Amino acid sequence: MESRFPRLSLAGVVVTQSLIAVAFLGGAGSVIVAPGLSTAVAASLPEYAGLREPLLATTIVFTVFGLIVLTMVAMLVQRMHRRTLMRRTSLLCIDVVVAANVGAIVVVVVGSVVIGSAQAGSPILALLQATAVLALVVLARLALVFRSRLRREMSTPLESAETDRRTSAAEKHEASHRRSSTWSS
């Protein structure tokens, strides 16, 4: 199935996959380092020690959602290079990206509530959280637009084949009707 999506060059794929790998390793490293770092912060700021567990959990979950998105994007980049993007599993990858973005939005909102209820936040932190939510909404919307375009591209060959089948059936019917009318005259 020929797609109108561009084929990525090998150099573009290598650079993109390398950047994704670096981001993935950084995220995985932060998940590993976060518990120790949160213990050190809780020790240096004992008034916020009660927030250690909920904020650590939201940080880890948010990072895991980011790692999931990176994995799906890496798969989609590879599919674009191999020209195998026009498969149903690509739609599933995009659905996972959207679901992970929605999950990350929920985590940011829950983190905001936890920080707000402990009165531990600042206006700058609230601004950063609002910006994160807005960025995640935009990314989810972009993924949905890409999914819509991909789905339309996938259905176009099926629709044209169905149209061709109907057209040839109508032409056969018209030809047989012409033959029968010539016999009767």
Protein backbone atom coordinates (compact mmCIF):
# COMPACT_ATOMS: atom_id res chain seq x y z
CA MET A 1 0.00 0.00 0.00
CA GLU A 2 1.69 3.19 -1.17
CA SER A 3 1.46 6.04 1.29
CA ARG A 4 1.71 9.78 0.80
CA PHE A 5 3.68 9.98 4.02
CA PRO A 6 7.32 10.79 3.31
CA ARG A 7 9.98 8.15 3.76
CA LEU A 8 12.54 9.16 6.32
CA SER A 9 16.17 9.00 5.28
CA LEU A 10 18.48 6.64 7.10
CA ALA A 11 20.44 9.58 8.52
CA GLY A 12 17.24 11.18 9.81
CA VAL A 13 16.18 7.91 11.41
CA VAL A 14 19.58 7.41 13.07
CA VAL A 15 19.61 10.95 14.48
CA THR A 16 15.99 10.73 15.65
CA GLN A 17 16.40 7.29 17.19
CA SER A 18 19.62 8.42 18.90
CA LEU A 19 17.89 11.43 20.45
CA ILE A 20 14.99 9.24 21.55
CA ALA A 21 17.44 6.74 23.07
CA VAL A 22 19.24 9.50 25.00
CA ALA A 23 15.90 10.84 26.30
CA PHE A 24 14.81 7.30 27.20
CA LEU A 25 18.02 6.59 29.11
CA GLY A 26 17.71 9.94 30.89
CA GLY A 27 14.13 9.14 31.89
CA ALA A 28 15.01 5.63 33.04
CA GLY A 29 17.95 7.05 34.99
CA SER A 30 15.73 9.60 36.67
CA VAL A 31 13.35 6.85 37.76
CA ILE A 32 16.29 5.04 39.33
CA VAL A 33 17.75 8.17 40.98
CA ALA A 34 14.43 9.74 42.12
CA PRO A 35 13.97 7.71 45.35
CA GLY A 36 17.43 8.60 46.66
CA LEU A 37 17.07 12.20 45.63
CA SER A 38 13.66 12.50 47.30
CA THR A 39 15.10 11.06 50.52
CA ALA A 40 17.87 13.68 50.49
CA VAL A 41 15.38 16.49 49.82
CA ALA A 42 13.05 15.23 52.59
CA ALA A 43 15.99 15.22 55.01
CA SER A 44 17.03 18.77 54.10
CA LEU A 45 13.43 20.10 54.15
CA PRO A 46 11.72 18.25 57.02
CA GLU A 47 8.61 20.46 56.84
CA TYR A 48 7.84 18.88 53.43
CA ALA A 49 8.87 15.32 54.31
CA GLY A 50 5.21 14.27 54.33
CA LEU A 51 5.03 15.04 50.60
CA ARG A 52 7.90 12.72 49.75
CA GLU A 53 5.88 9.61 48.90
CA PRO A 54 3.06 11.19 46.87
CA LEU A 55 5.43 13.42 44.90
CA LEU A 56 7.84 10.56 44.30
CA ALA A 57 4.99 8.41 43.02
CA THR A 58 3.68 11.14 40.71
CA THR A 59 7.21 11.81 39.43
CA ILE A 60 7.83 8.15 38.64
CA VAL A 61 4.42 7.65 37.01
CA PHE A 62 4.82 10.83 34.94
CA THR A 63 8.26 9.68 33.79
CA VAL A 64 6.97 6.20 32.91
CA PHE A 65 4.26 7.81 30.75
CA GLY A 66 7.01 9.80 29.02
CA LEU A 67 9.03 6.63 28.43
CA ILE A 68 5.97 4.96 26.90
CA VAL A 69 5.49 7.89 24.53
CA LEU A 70 9.16 7.80 23.54
CA THR A 71 8.92 4.07 22.79
CA MET A 72 5.82 4.51 20.61
CA VAL A 73 7.37 7.45 18.73
CA ALA A 74 10.52 5.39 18.10
CA MET A 75 8.36 2.58 16.68
CA LEU A 76 6.47 5.00 14.43
CA VAL A 77 9.70 6.57 13.16
CA GLN A 78 11.03 3.12 12.30
CA ARG A 79 7.78 2.26 10.52
CA MET A 80 7.96 5.47 8.49
CA HIS A 81 11.48 4.57 7.40
CA ARG A 82 10.51 1.00 6.46
CA ARG A 83 7.29 2.21 4.77
CA THR A 84 5.18 -0.02 7.02
CA LEU A 85 3.29 2.81 8.69
CA MET A 86 0.04 1.90 6.94
CA ARG A 87 -0.87 -0.88 9.35
CA ARG A 88 -3.53 -1.05 12.04
CA THR A 89 -0.88 -1.46 14.72
CA SER A 90 0.36 2.04 13.90
CA LEU A 91 -3.04 3.36 14.94
CA LEU A 92 -2.66 1.42 18.17
CA CYS A 93 0.74 3.06 18.78
CA ILE A 94 -0.84 6.48 18.35
CA ASP A 95 -3.69 5.49 20.69
CA VAL A 96 -1.08 4.55 23.31
CA VAL A 97 0.60 7.95 22.84
CA VAL A 98 -2.73 9.74 23.38
CA ALA A 99 -3.57 7.59 26.42
CA ALA A 100 -0.13 8.23 27.93
CA ASN A 101 -0.57 11.98 27.40
CA VAL A 102 -3.97 11.89 29.09
CA GLY A 103 -2.48 9.88 31.94
CA ALA A 104 0.34 12.41 32.29
CA ILE A 105 -2.22 15.22 32.42
CA VAL A 106 -4.01 13.42 35.25
CA VAL A 107 -0.70 12.97 37.08
CA VAL A 108 0.14 16.69 36.77
CA VAL A 109 -3.31 17.64 38.07
CA VAL A 110 -3.03 15.18 40.97
CA GLY A 111 0.43 16.54 41.75
CA SER A 112 -1.01 20.06 41.75
CA VAL A 113 -3.72 19.03 44.17
CA VAL A 114 -1.22 17.31 46.49
CA ILE A 115 1.10 20.31 46.48
CA GLY A 116 -1.81 22.74 46.88
CA SER A 117 -3.33 20.83 49.79
CA ALA A 118 0.02 20.90 51.59
CA GLN A 119 0.40 24.61 50.77
CA ALA A 120 3.88 23.82 49.54
CA GLY A 121 3.70 25.33 46.08
CA SER A 122 4.63 28.67 44.63
CA PRO A 123 3.11 30.70 41.81
CA ILE A 124 6.02 29.72 39.55
CA LEU A 125 5.36 26.03 40.21
CA ALA A 126 1.66 26.52 39.44
CA LEU A 127 2.61 28.26 36.19
CA LEU A 128 4.94 25.39 35.27
CA GLN A 129 2.20 22.84 35.97
CA ALA A 130 -0.33 24.77 33.90
CA THR A 131 2.22 24.98 31.08
CA ALA A 132 2.85 21.23 31.32
CA VAL A 133 -0.87 20.50 31.08
CA LEU A 134 -1.22 22.80 28.08
CA ALA A 135 1.79 21.21 26.35
CA LEU A 136 0.43 17.71 26.99
CA VAL A 137 -2.98 18.69 25.60
CA VAL A 138 -1.31 20.06 22.46
CA LEU A 139 0.77 16.89 22.05
CA ALA A 140 -2.32 14.70 22.47
CA ARG A 141 -4.17 16.80 19.90
CA LEU A 142 -1.29 16.54 17.43
CA ALA A 143 -1.26 12.78 17.89
CA LEU A 144 -5.00 12.66 17.23
CA VAL A 145 -4.58 14.73 14.05
CA PHE A 146 -1.82 12.38 12.89
CA ARG A 147 -4.04 9.39 13.71
CA SER A 148 -6.90 10.89 11.72
CA ARG A 149 -4.67 11.48 8.71
CA LEU A 150 -3.19 8.00 8.94
CA ARG A 151 -6.61 6.43 9.22
CA ARG A 152 -7.82 8.41 6.21
CA GLU A 153 -4.76 7.28 4.24
CA MET A 154 -5.42 3.68 5.23
CA SER A 155 -9.07 3.80 4.20
CA THR A 156 -8.49 5.58 0.86
CA PRO A 157 -7.22 2.51 -1.06
CA LEU A 158 -10.11 0.44 0.29
CA GLU A 159 -12.63 3.05 -0.77
CA SER A 160 -11.11 3.39 -4.24
CA ALA A 161 -11.11 -0.40 -4.67
CA GLU A 162 -14.78 -0.49 -3.64
CA THR A 163 -15.56 2.34 -6.07
CA ASP A 164 -13.71 0.51 -8.86
CA ARG A 165 -15.65 -2.66 -8.10
CA ARG A 166 -18.97 -0.81 -8.20
CA THR A 167 -18.02 1.02 -11.40
CA SER A 168 -17.02 -2.20 -13.17
CA ALA A 169 -20.25 -3.90 -12.02
CA ALA A 170 -22.29 -0.97 -13.35
CA GLU A 171 -20.36 -1.02 -16.63
CA LYS A 172 -20.99 -4.76 -17.01
CA HIS A 173 -24.68 -4.28 -16.32
CA GLU A 174 -24.85 -1.43 -18.86
CA ALA A 175 -22.96 -3.49 -21.46
CA SER A 176 -25.25 -6.47 -21.00
CA HIS A 177 -28.27 -4.16 -21.23
CA ARG A 178 -26.92 -2.73 -24.51
CA ARG A 179 -26.34 -6.25 -25.88
CA SER A 180 -29.86 -7.36 -24.99
CA SER A 181 -31.36 -4.25 -26.59
CA THR A 182 -29.39 -4.83 -29.80
CA TRP A 183 -30.66 -8.43 -29.95
CA SER A 184 -34.23 -7.35 -29.52
CA SER A 185 -34.06 -4.77 -32.30
